[in-house]
Amino acid sequence: MLTRMLVRNFKRFGEIDIELGNSVVFIGPNNSGKTAALQALALWEKPSRRDDQQT
């Protein structure tokens, strides 16, 4: 299980360390980085494309 998310130099974040539990809720005002945090997590899940892969 993923228990921690460390994001560096992504969108509005210089560096942020988020502890993850069974349930995580992002609450904050508009433009505070809630969506950016979820996008960072989504990027982690996607496999990176290697240059030697064939399409």
C-alpha atoms as a PDB file:
ATOM      1  CA  MET A   1       0.000   0.000   0.000  1.00  0.00           C
ATOM      2  CA  LEU A   2       1.193   3.479  -0.828  1.00  0.00           C
ATOM      3  CA  THR A   3       1.711   5.274   2.488  1.00  0.00           C
ATOM      4  CA  ARG A   4       3.548   8.456   1.516  1.00  0.00           C
ATOM      5  CA  MET A   5       3.730  10.793  -1.457  1.00  0.00           C
ATOM      6  CA  LEU A   6       6.700  13.125  -1.893  1.00  0.00           C
ATOM      7  CA  VAL A   7       6.318  15.646  -4.706  1.00  0.00           C
ATOM      8  CA  ARG A   8       9.174  17.857  -5.872  1.00  0.00           C
ATOM      9  CA  ASN A   9       9.063  20.645  -8.442  1.00  0.00           C
ATOM     10  CA  PHE A  10       5.623  19.845  -9.823  1.00  0.00           C
ATOM     11  CA  LYS A  11       3.298  22.689 -10.738  1.00  0.00           C
ATOM     12  CA  ARG A  12       2.904  24.918  -7.657  1.00  0.00           C
ATOM     13  CA  PHE A  13       4.848  22.600  -5.333  1.00  0.00           C
ATOM     14  CA  GLY A  14       8.505  23.139  -4.565  1.00  0.00           C
ATOM     15  CA  GLU A  15       8.430  20.140  -2.257  1.00  0.00           C
ATOM     16  CA  ILE A  16       5.539  18.581  -0.373  1.00  0.00           C
ATOM     17  CA  ASP A  17       5.374  15.383   1.672  1.00  0.00           C
ATOM     18  CA  ILE A  18       1.902  13.881   2.158  1.00  0.00           C
ATOM     19  CA  GLU A  19       1.206  10.915   4.437  1.00  0.00           C
ATOM     20  CA  LEU A  20      -1.425   8.641   2.927  1.00  0.00           C
ATOM     21  CA  GLY A  21      -3.740   6.403   4.926  1.00  0.00           C
ATOM     22  CA  ASN A  22      -6.784   4.301   4.149  1.00  0.00           C
ATOM     23  CA  SER A  23      -8.763   7.452   3.335  1.00  0.00           C
ATOM     24  CA  VAL A  24      -7.319  10.774   2.207  1.00  0.00           C
ATOM     25  CA  VAL A  25      -9.319  13.969   1.743  1.00  0.00           C
ATOM     26  CA  PHE A  26      -7.921  17.087   0.085  1.00  0.00           C
ATOM     27  CA  ILE A  27      -9.607  20.210   1.433  1.00  0.00           C
ATOM     28  CA  GLY A  28      -8.586  23.778   0.717  1.00  0.00           C
ATOM     29  CA  PRO A  29      -9.454  27.008  -1.026  1.00  0.00           C
ATOM     30  CA  ASN A  30      -9.422  27.422  -4.786  1.00  0.00           C
ATOM     31  CA  ASN A  31      -5.936  27.403  -6.336  1.00  0.00           C
ATOM     32  CA  SER A  32      -4.304  25.766  -3.311  1.00  0.00           C
ATOM     33  CA  GLY A  33      -2.970  22.688  -5.148  1.00  0.00           C
ATOM     34  CA  LYS A  34      -5.614  20.006  -4.535  1.00  0.00           C
ATOM     35  CA  THR A  35      -5.887  19.069  -8.203  1.00  0.00           C
ATOM     36  CA  ALA A  36      -2.113  19.309  -8.705  1.00  0.00           C
ATOM     37  CA  ALA A  37      -1.600  16.794  -5.880  1.00  0.00           C
ATOM     38  CA  LEU A  38      -4.021  14.371  -7.534  1.00  0.00           C
ATOM     39  CA  GLN A  39      -2.346  14.888 -10.921  1.00  0.00           C
ATOM     40  CA  ALA A  40       1.040  14.092  -9.388  1.00  0.00           C
ATOM     41  CA  LEU A  41      -0.384  10.878  -7.966  1.00  0.00           C
ATOM     42  CA  ALA A  42      -1.904   9.986 -11.358  1.00  0.00           C
ATOM     43  CA  LEU A  43       1.471  10.538 -13.082  1.00  0.00           C
ATOM     44  CA  TRP A  44       3.134   8.170 -10.625  1.00  0.00           C
ATOM     45  CA  GLU A  45       0.665   5.442 -11.590  1.00  0.00           C
ATOM     46  CA  LYS A  46       1.284   5.745 -15.341  1.00  0.00           C
ATOM     47  CA  PRO A  47       4.216   3.735 -16.672  1.00  0.00           C
ATOM     48  CA  SER A  48       6.904   5.897 -18.184  1.00  0.00           C
ATOM     49  CA  ARG A  49       7.622   5.391 -21.857  1.00  0.00           C
ATOM     50  CA  ARG A  50      11.096   4.133 -22.625  1.00  0.00           C
ATOM     51  CA  ASP A  51      12.838   5.300 -25.782  1.00  0.00           C
ATOM     52  CA  ASP A  52      13.471   1.724 -26.922  1.00  0.00           C
ATOM     53  CA  GLN A  53       9.808   0.676 -26.768  1.00  0.00           C
ATOM     54  CA  GLN A  54       8.064   0.090 -30.055  1.00  0.00           C
ATOM     55  CA  THR A  55       4.669   1.694 -30.618  1.00  0.00           C
END
